Structure formats: C-alpha cells, structure tokens
Amino acid sequence: MNEVILAQGAEGITGNIATVGYGLATVGPGIGIGILVGKALEGMARQPEMAGKLTTNMFIGIAFVEALALIGLAAGFVL
C-alpha cells in the first residue's frame, strides 16, 4: 500500500517539473513570434507593395518558431 502512495507522489513531482519546464520553453518562442510579427509590420509600413511577400514569409517564420514550443511540449512528456 505504501509503495502505491510513493509512486503517486513521485508522478506528481515529475508532472510539476514538466509543467514548469514547458512554461519556460514557451518563453523563447513567444518573444520570437512577437519580434517577428513586429518587424514584419514595420516592413509593411515602410514598403506597402511588399505586404504580400512579407505576410507569407511572416507566417512561415511563425510556423518554424512555433515548432520550438511544440518540441518543448514533447520533451516535457518524454522526460
């Protein structure tokens, strides 16, 4: 009976560590997406005729940066 209680306690601690780790893993991509979108909007304001290309490249960049957050989520589940 005590072994089951200890096993449940260990899972709770590991789950909390994974949650904190994923929280920290999302900080970088969040800042990166903010900078990326801000610079794309700045470029659109400077050259409105390039808005289509900038928007396309912005969304491709967002996808790559967001992949980092998903890798952090997967690492939290693995570890």
PDB file of N, CA and C in Angstrom:
ATOM      1  N   MET A   1       0.821  -1.190   0.000  1.00  0.00           N
ATOM      2  CA  MET A   1       0.000   0.000   0.000  1.00  0.00           C
ATOM      3  C   MET A   1       0.868   1.258   0.000  1.00  0.00           C
ATOM      4  N   ASN A   2       1.933   1.276   0.786  1.00  0.00           N
ATOM      5  CA  ASN A   2       2.807   2.442   0.826  1.00  0.00           C
ATOM      6  C   ASN A   2       3.526   2.650  -0.497  1.00  0.00           C
ATOM      7  N   GLU A   3       3.840   1.563  -1.217  1.00  0.00           N
ATOM      8  CA  GLU A   3       4.526   1.692  -2.494  1.00  0.00           C
ATOM      9  C   GLU A   3       3.674   2.443  -3.499  1.00  0.00           C
ATOM     10  N   VAL A   4       2.386   2.193  -3.489  1.00  0.00           N
ATOM     11  CA  VAL A   4       1.482   2.877  -4.413  1.00  0.00           C
ATOM     12  C   VAL A   4       1.435   4.367  -4.091  1.00  0.00           C
ATOM     13  N   ILE A   5       1.361   4.707  -2.833  1.00  0.00           N
ATOM     14  CA  ILE A   5       1.320   6.113  -2.432  1.00  0.00           C
ATOM     15  C   ILE A   5       2.619   6.814  -2.831  1.00  0.00           C
ATOM     16  N   LEU A   6       3.756   6.180  -2.635  1.00  0.00           N
ATOM     17  CA  LEU A   6       5.031   6.777  -3.020  1.00  0.00           C
ATOM     18  C   LEU A   6       5.116   6.961  -4.524  1.00  0.00           C
ATOM     19  N   ALA A   7       4.607   5.998  -5.286  1.00  0.00           N
ATOM     20  CA  ALA A   7       4.644   6.110  -6.738  1.00  0.00           C
ATOM     21  C   ALA A   7       3.770   7.267  -7.201  1.00  0.00           C
ATOM     22  N   GLN A   8       2.627   7.458  -6.577  1.00  0.00           N
ATOM     23  CA  GLN A   8       1.763   8.570  -6.955  1.00  0.00           C
ATOM     24  C   GLN A   8       2.419   9.902  -6.608  1.00  0.00           C
ATOM     25  N   GLY A   9       3.083   9.970  -5.487  1.00  0.00           N
ATOM     26  CA  GLY A   9       3.762  11.202  -5.099  1.00  0.00           C
ATOM     27  C   GLY A   9       4.878  11.555  -6.059  1.00  0.00           C
ATOM     28  N   ALA A  10       5.618  10.546  -6.536  1.00  0.00           N
ATOM     29  CA  ALA A  10       6.716  10.798  -7.465  1.00  0.00           C
ATOM     30  C   ALA A  10       6.184  11.300  -8.805  1.00  0.00           C
ATOM     31  N   GLU A  11       5.066  10.763  -9.254  1.00  0.00           N
ATOM     32  CA  GLU A  11       4.495  11.223 -10.513  1.00  0.00           C
ATOM     33  C   GLU A  11       4.046  12.677 -10.403  1.00  0.00           C
ATOM     34  N   GLY A  12       3.510  13.045  -9.262  1.00  0.00           N
ATOM     35  CA  GLY A  12       3.075  14.423  -9.077  1.00  0.00           C
ATOM     36  C   GLY A  12       4.228  15.395  -9.157  1.00  0.00           C
ATOM     37  N   ILE A  13       5.358  15.039  -8.557  1.00  0.00           N
ATOM     38  CA  ILE A  13       6.535  15.912  -8.600  1.00  0.00           C
ATOM     39  C   ILE A  13       7.063  16.003 -10.033  1.00  0.00           C
ATOM     40  N   THR A  14       7.125  14.895 -10.731  1.00  0.00           N
ATOM     41  CA  THR A  14       7.605  14.895 -12.109  1.00  0.00           C
ATOM     42  C   THR A  14       6.677  15.712 -12.992  1.00  0.00           C
ATOM     43  N   GLY A  15       5.387  15.591 -12.796  1.00  0.00           N
ATOM     44  CA  GLY A  15       4.423  16.369 -13.572  1.00  0.00           C
ATOM     45  C   GLY A  15       4.587  17.856 -13.347  1.00  0.00           C
ATOM     46  N   ASN A  16       4.850  18.262 -12.106  1.00  0.00           N
ATOM     47  CA  ASN A  16       5.039  19.676 -11.820  1.00  0.00           C
ATOM     48  C   ASN A  16       6.312  20.207 -12.469  1.00  0.00           C
ATOM     49  N   ILE A  17       7.360  19.412 -12.443  1.00  0.00           N
ATOM     50  CA  ILE A  17       8.613  19.827 -13.078  1.00  0.00           C
ATOM     51  C   ILE A  17       8.422  19.953 -14.583  1.00  0.00           C
ATOM     52  N   ALA A  18       7.694  19.028 -15.188  1.00  0.00           N
ATOM     53  CA  ALA A  18       7.441  19.094 -16.631  1.00  0.00           C
ATOM     54  C   ALA A  18       6.610  20.322 -16.973  1.00  0.00           C
ATOM     55  N   THR A  19       5.666  20.668 -16.125  1.00  0.00           N
ATOM     56  CA  THR A  19       4.833  21.854 -16.360  1.00  0.00           C
ATOM     57  C   THR A  19       5.676  23.119 -16.301  1.00  0.00           C
ATOM     58  N   VAL A  20       6.541  23.222 -15.322  1.00  0.00           N
ATOM     59  CA  VAL A  20       7.426  24.385 -15.218  1.00  0.00           C
ATOM     60  C   VAL A  20       8.379  24.430 -16.406  1.00  0.00           C
ATOM     61  N   GLY A  21       8.900  23.280 -16.791  1.00  0.00           N
ATOM     62  CA  GLY A  21       9.809  23.224 -17.937  1.00  0.00           C
ATOM     63  C   GLY A  21       9.134  23.668 -19.220  1.00  0.00           C
ATOM     64  N   TYR A  22       7.891  23.240 -19.435  1.00  0.00           N
ATOM     65  CA  TYR A  22       7.179  23.658 -20.640  1.00  0.00           C
ATOM     66  C   TYR A  22       6.866  25.147 -20.583  1.00  0.00           C
ATOM     67  N   GLY A  23       6.566  25.650 -19.400  1.00  0.00           N
ATOM     68  CA  GLY A  23       6.331  27.086 -19.249  1.00  0.00           C
ATOM     69  C   GLY A  23       7.561  27.889 -19.639  1.00  0.00           C
ATOM     70  N   LEU A  24       8.712  27.419 -19.222  1.00  0.00           N
ATOM     71  CA  LEU A  24       9.956  28.098 -19.591  1.00  0.00           C
ATOM     72  C   LEU A  24      10.271  27.919 -21.075  1.00  0.00           C
ATOM     73  N   ALA A  25       9.887  26.777 -21.633  1.00  0.00           N
ATOM     74  CA  ALA A  25      10.161  26.516 -23.045  1.00  0.00           C
ATOM     75  C   ALA A  25       9.307  27.386 -23.960  1.00  0.00           C
ATOM     76  N   THR A  26       8.197  27.908 -23.484  1.00  0.00           N
ATOM     77  CA  THR A  26       7.349  28.749 -24.317  1.00  0.00           C
ATOM     78  C   THR A  26       7.744  30.219 -24.278  1.00  0.00           C
ATOM     79  N   VAL A  27       8.616  30.594 -23.365  1.00  0.00           N
ATOM     80  CA  VAL A  27       9.025  31.999 -23.264  1.00  0.00           C
ATOM     81  C   VAL A  27       9.796  32.421 -24.512  1.00  0.00           C
ATOM     82  N   GLY A  28      10.756  31.633 -24.932  1.00  0.00           N
ATOM     83  CA  GLY A  28      11.574  31.964 -26.106  1.00  0.00           C
ATOM     84  C   GLY A  28      10.759  32.100 -27.380  1.00  0.00           C
ATOM     85  N   PRO A  29       9.948  31.091 -27.741  1.00  0.00           N
ATOM     86  CA  PRO A  29       9.125  31.230 -28.940  1.00  0.00           C
ATOM     87  C   PRO A  29       8.125  32.385 -28.847  1.00  0.00           C
ATOM     88  N   GLY A  30       7.619  32.655 -27.665  1.00  0.00           N
ATOM     89  CA  GLY A  30       6.689  33.776 -27.512  1.00  0.00           C
ATOM     90  C   GLY A  30       7.363  35.101 -27.826  1.00  0.00           C
ATOM     91  N   ILE A  31       8.559  35.290 -27.315  1.00  0.00           N
ATOM     92  CA  ILE A  31       9.318  36.509 -27.599  1.00  0.00           C
ATOM     93  C   ILE A  31       9.686  36.541 -29.082  1.00  0.00           C
ATOM     94  N   GLY A  32      10.094  35.399 -29.622  1.00  0.00           N
ATOM     95  CA  GLY A  32      10.474  35.330 -31.033  1.00  0.00           C
ATOM     96  C   GLY A  32       9.329  35.689 -31.969  1.00  0.00           C
ATOM     97  N   ILE A  33       8.132  35.188 -31.693  1.00  0.00           N
ATOM     98  CA  ILE A  33       6.975  35.498 -32.534  1.00  0.00           C
ATOM     99  C   ILE A  33       6.629  36.984 -32.423  1.00  0.00           C
ATOM    100  N   GLY A  34       6.741  37.533 -31.228  1.00  0.00           N
ATOM    101  CA  GLY A  34       6.467  38.958 -31.058  1.00  0.00           C
ATOM    102  C   GLY A  34       7.416  39.816 -31.873  1.00  0.00           C
ATOM    103  N   ILE A  35       8.689  39.499 -31.839  1.00  0.00           N
ATOM    104  CA  ILE A  35       9.680  40.251 -32.614  1.00  0.00           C
ATOM    105  C   ILE A  35       9.432  40.063 -34.114  1.00  0.00           C
ATOM    106  N   LEU A  36       9.153  38.830 -34.522  1.00  0.00           N
ATOM    107  CA  LEU A  36       8.947  38.522 -35.934  1.00  0.00           C
ATOM    108  C   LEU A  36       7.763  39.296 -36.503  1.00  0.00           C
ATOM    109  N   VAL A  37       6.637  39.294 -35.798  1.00  0.00           N
ATOM    110  CA  VAL A  37       5.446  39.999 -36.280  1.00  0.00           C
ATOM    111  C   VAL A  37       5.685  41.507 -36.279  1.00  0.00           C
ATOM    112  N   GLY A  38       6.341  42.015 -35.240  1.00  0.00           N
ATOM    113  CA  GLY A  38       6.627  43.444 -35.177  1.00  0.00           C
ATOM    114  C   GLY A  38       7.497  43.909 -36.334  1.00  0.00           C
ATOM    115  N   LYS A  39       8.524  43.147 -36.657  1.00  0.00           N
ATOM    116  CA  LYS A  39       9.404  43.521 -37.765  1.00  0.00           C
ATOM    117  C   LYS A  39       8.692  43.400 -39.111  1.00  0.00           C
ATOM    118  N   ALA A  40       7.812  42.412 -39.252  1.00  0.00           N
ATOM    119  CA  ALA A  40       7.053  42.281 -40.497  1.00  0.00           C
ATOM    120  C   ALA A  40       6.113  43.470 -40.672  1.00  0.00           C
ATOM    121  N   LEU A  41       5.451  43.894 -39.605  1.00  0.00           N
ATOM    122  CA  LEU A  41       4.571  45.057 -39.692  1.00  0.00           C
ATOM    123  C   LEU A  41       5.366  46.327 -39.991  1.00  0.00           C
ATOM    124  N   GLU A  42       6.548  46.422 -39.418  1.00  0.00           N
ATOM    125  CA  GLU A  42       7.410  47.569 -39.696  1.00  0.00           C
ATOM    126  C   GLU A  42       7.803  47.588 -41.181  1.00  0.00           C
ATOM    127  N   GLY A  43       8.129  46.429 -41.720  1.00  0.00           N
ATOM    128  CA  GLY A  43       8.465  46.334 -43.139  1.00  0.00           C
ATOM    129  C   GLY A  43       7.286  46.673 -44.030  1.00  0.00           C
ATOM    130  N   MET A  44       6.082  46.262 -43.634  1.00  0.00           N
ATOM    131  CA  MET A  44       4.887  46.593 -44.420  1.00  0.00           C
ATOM    132  C   MET A  44       4.602  48.094 -44.385  1.00  0.00           C
ATOM    133  N   ALA A  45       4.885  48.727 -43.267  1.00  0.00           N
ATOM    134  CA  ALA A  45       4.672  50.163 -43.166  1.00  0.00           C
ATOM    135  C   ALA A  45       5.676  50.916 -44.039  1.00  0.00           C
ATOM    136  N   ARG A  46       6.879  50.399 -44.163  1.00  0.00           N
ATOM    137  CA  ARG A  46       7.901  51.076 -44.966  1.00  0.00           C
ATOM    138  C   ARG A  46       7.688  50.849 -46.464  1.00  0.00           C
ATOM    139  N   GLN A  47       7.281  49.636 -46.835  1.00  0.00           N
ATOM    140  CA  GLN A  47       7.055  49.326 -48.249  1.00  0.00           C
ATOM    141  C   GLN A  47       5.746  48.549 -48.398  1.00  0.00           C
ATOM    142  N   PRO A  48       4.632  49.257 -48.526  1.00  0.00           N
ATOM    143  CA  PRO A  48       3.322  48.590 -48.604  1.00  0.00           C
ATOM    144  C   PRO A  48       3.195  47.622 -49.782  1.00  0.00           C
ATOM    145  N   GLU A  49       3.937  47.847 -50.864  1.00  0.00           N
ATOM    146  CA  GLU A  49       3.825  46.956 -52.028  1.00  0.00           C
ATOM    147  C   GLU A  49       4.399  45.568 -51.748  1.00  0.00           C
ATOM    148  N   MET A  50       5.195  45.420 -50.693  1.00  0.00           N
ATOM    149  CA  MET A  50       5.775  44.120 -50.329  1.00  0.00           C
ATOM    150  C   MET A  50       4.942  43.386 -49.276  1.00  0.00           C
ATOM    151  N   ALA A  51       3.766  43.886 -48.971  1.00  0.00           N
ATOM    152  CA  ALA A  51       2.962  43.311 -47.890  1.00  0.00           C
ATOM    153  C   ALA A  51       2.642  41.832 -48.122  1.00  0.00           C
ATOM    154  N   GLY A  52       2.351  41.455 -49.354  1.00  0.00           N
ATOM    155  CA  GLY A  52       2.020  40.055 -49.648  1.00  0.00           C
ATOM    156  C   GLY A  52       3.179  39.107 -49.358  1.00  0.00           C
ATOM    157  N   LYS A  53       4.363  39.468 -49.837  1.00  0.00           N
ATOM    158  CA  LYS A  53       5.544  38.627 -49.605  1.00  0.00           C
ATOM    159  C   LYS A  53       5.917  38.610 -48.128  1.00  0.00           C
ATOM    160  N   LEU A  54       5.836  39.773 -47.486  1.00  0.00           N
ATOM    161  CA  LEU A  54       6.182  39.827 -46.058  1.00  0.00           C
ATOM    162  C   LEU A  54       5.217  38.993 -45.216  1.00  0.00           C
ATOM    163  N   THR A  55       3.938  39.041 -45.576  1.00  0.00           N
ATOM    164  CA  THR A  55       2.953  38.254 -44.821  1.00  0.00           C
ATOM    165  C   THR A  55       3.224  36.763 -44.972  1.00  0.00           C
ATOM    166  N   THR A  56       3.503  36.336 -46.200  1.00  0.00           N
ATOM    167  CA  THR A  56       3.797  34.919 -46.435  1.00  0.00           C
ATOM    168  C   THR A  56       5.030  34.478 -45.651  1.00  0.00           C
ATOM    169  N   ASN A  57       6.086  35.268 -45.739  1.00  0.00           N
ATOM    170  CA  ASN A  57       7.314  34.922 -45.015  1.00  0.00           C
ATOM    171  C   ASN A  57       7.111  34.987 -43.508  1.00  0.00           C
ATOM    172  N   MET A  58       6.268  35.911 -43.048  1.00  0.00           N
ATOM    173  CA  MET A  58       5.992  36.015 -41.614  1.00  0.00           C
ATOM    174  C   MET A  58       5.322  34.733 -41.108  1.00  0.00           C
ATOM    175  N   PHE A  59       4.336  34.238 -41.860  1.00  0.00           N
ATOM    176  CA  PHE A  59       3.644  33.028 -41.411  1.00  0.00           C
ATOM    177  C   PHE A  59       4.551  31.799 -41.464  1.00  0.00           C
ATOM    178  N   ILE A  60       5.439  31.734 -42.436  1.00  0.00           N
ATOM    179  CA  ILE A  60       6.409  30.628 -42.480  1.00  0.00           C
ATOM    180  C   ILE A  60       7.335  30.711 -41.269  1.00  0.00           C
ATOM    181  N   GLY A  61       7.798  31.910 -40.952  1.00  0.00           N
ATOM    182  CA  GLY A  61       8.652  32.098 -39.774  1.00  0.00           C
ATOM    183  C   GLY A  61       7.931  31.757 -38.487  1.00  0.00           C
ATOM    184  N   ILE A  62       6.658  32.138 -38.389  1.00  0.00           N
ATOM    185  CA  ILE A  62       5.875  31.803 -37.190  1.00  0.00           C
ATOM    186  C   ILE A  62       5.773  30.291 -37.040  1.00  0.00           C
ATOM    187  N   ALA A  63       5.577  29.585 -38.150  1.00  0.00           N
ATOM    188  CA  ALA A  63       5.480  28.121 -38.079  1.00  0.00           C
ATOM    189  C   ALA A  63       6.770  27.509 -37.550  1.00  0.00           C
ATOM    190  N   PHE A  64       7.916  28.014 -38.020  1.00  0.00           N
ATOM    191  CA  PHE A  64       9.195  27.478 -37.549  1.00  0.00           C
ATOM    192  C   PHE A  64       9.429  27.794 -36.075  1.00  0.00           C
ATOM    193  N   VAL A  65       9.094  29.006 -35.668  1.00  0.00           N
ATOM    194  CA  VAL A  65       9.298  29.381 -34.262  1.00  0.00           C
ATOM    195  C   VAL A  65       8.339  28.607 -33.367  1.00  0.00           C
ATOM    196  N   GLU A  66       7.111  28.410 -33.824  1.00  0.00           N
ATOM    197  CA  GLU A  66       6.137  27.671 -33.021  1.00  0.00           C
ATOM    198  C   GLU A  66       6.543  26.206 -32.880  1.00  0.00           C
ATOM    199  N   ALA A  67       7.300  25.690 -33.836  1.00  0.00           N
ATOM    200  CA  ALA A  67       7.793  24.315 -33.729  1.00  0.00           C
ATOM    201  C   ALA A  67       8.666  24.150 -32.492  1.00  0.00           C
ATOM    202  N   LEU A  68       9.374  25.209 -32.101  1.00  0.00           N
ATOM    203  CA  LEU A  68      10.192  25.130 -30.888  1.00  0.00           C
ATOM    204  C   LEU A  68       9.328  24.895 -29.651  1.00  0.00           C
ATOM    205  N   ALA A  69       8.176  25.552 -29.600  1.00  0.00           N
ATOM    206  CA  ALA A  69       7.268  25.354 -28.467  1.00  0.00           C
ATOM    207  C   ALA A  69       6.725  23.923 -28.457  1.00  0.00           C
ATOM    208  N   LEU A  70       6.428  23.392 -29.626  1.00  0.00           N
ATOM    209  CA  LEU A  70       5.925  22.014 -29.693  1.00  0.00           C
ATOM    210  C   LEU A  70       7.009  21.014 -29.300  1.00  0.00           C
ATOM    211  N   ILE A  71       8.247  21.309 -29.651  1.00  0.00           N
ATOM    212  CA  ILE A  71       9.354  20.434 -29.232  1.00  0.00           C
ATOM    213  C   ILE A  71       9.486  20.474 -27.714  1.00  0.00           C
ATOM    214  N   GLY A  72       9.308  21.670 -27.121  1.00  0.00           N
ATOM    215  CA  GLY A  72       9.331  21.775 -25.666  1.00  0.00           C
ATOM    216  C   GLY A  72       8.211  20.989 -25.018  1.00  0.00           C
ATOM    217  N   LEU A  73       7.038  20.989 -25.633  1.00  0.00           N
ATOM    218  CA  LEU A  73       5.915  20.209 -25.119  1.00  0.00           C
ATOM    219  C   LEU A  73       6.215  18.712 -25.191  1.00  0.00           C
ATOM    220  N   ALA A  74       6.751  18.273 -26.317  1.00  0.00           N
ATOM    221  CA  ALA A  74       7.099  16.852 -26.461  1.00  0.00           C
ATOM    222  C   ALA A  74       8.182  16.443 -25.476  1.00  0.00           C
ATOM    223  N   ALA A  75       9.162  17.306 -25.273  1.00  0.00           N
ATOM    224  CA  ALA A  75      10.227  16.999 -24.315  1.00  0.00           C
ATOM    225  C   ALA A  75       9.687  16.889 -22.888  1.00  0.00           C
ATOM    226  N   GLY A  76       8.683  17.704 -22.581  1.00  0.00           N
ATOM    227  CA  GLY A  76       8.069  17.611 -21.263  1.00  0.00           C
ATOM    228  C   GLY A  76       7.379  16.261 -21.053  1.00  0.00           C
ATOM    229  N   PHE A  77       6.766  15.733 -22.088  1.00  0.00           N
ATOM    230  CA  PHE A  77       6.103  14.435 -21.961  1.00  0.00           C
ATOM    231  C   PHE A  77       7.125  13.296 -21.912  1.00  0.00           C
ATOM    232  N   VAL A  78       8.195  13.424 -22.682  1.00  0.00           N
ATOM    233  CA  VAL A  78       9.208  12.361 -22.735  1.00  0.00           C
ATOM    234  C   VAL A  78       9.961  12.270 -21.415  1.00  0.00           C
ATOM    235  N   LEU A  79      10.361  13.426 -20.902  1.00  0.00           N
ATOM    236  CA  LEU A  79      11.150  13.417 -19.677  1.00  0.00           C
ATOM    237  C   LEU A  79      10.221  13.299 -18.503  1.00  0.00           C
TER     238      LEU A  79
END
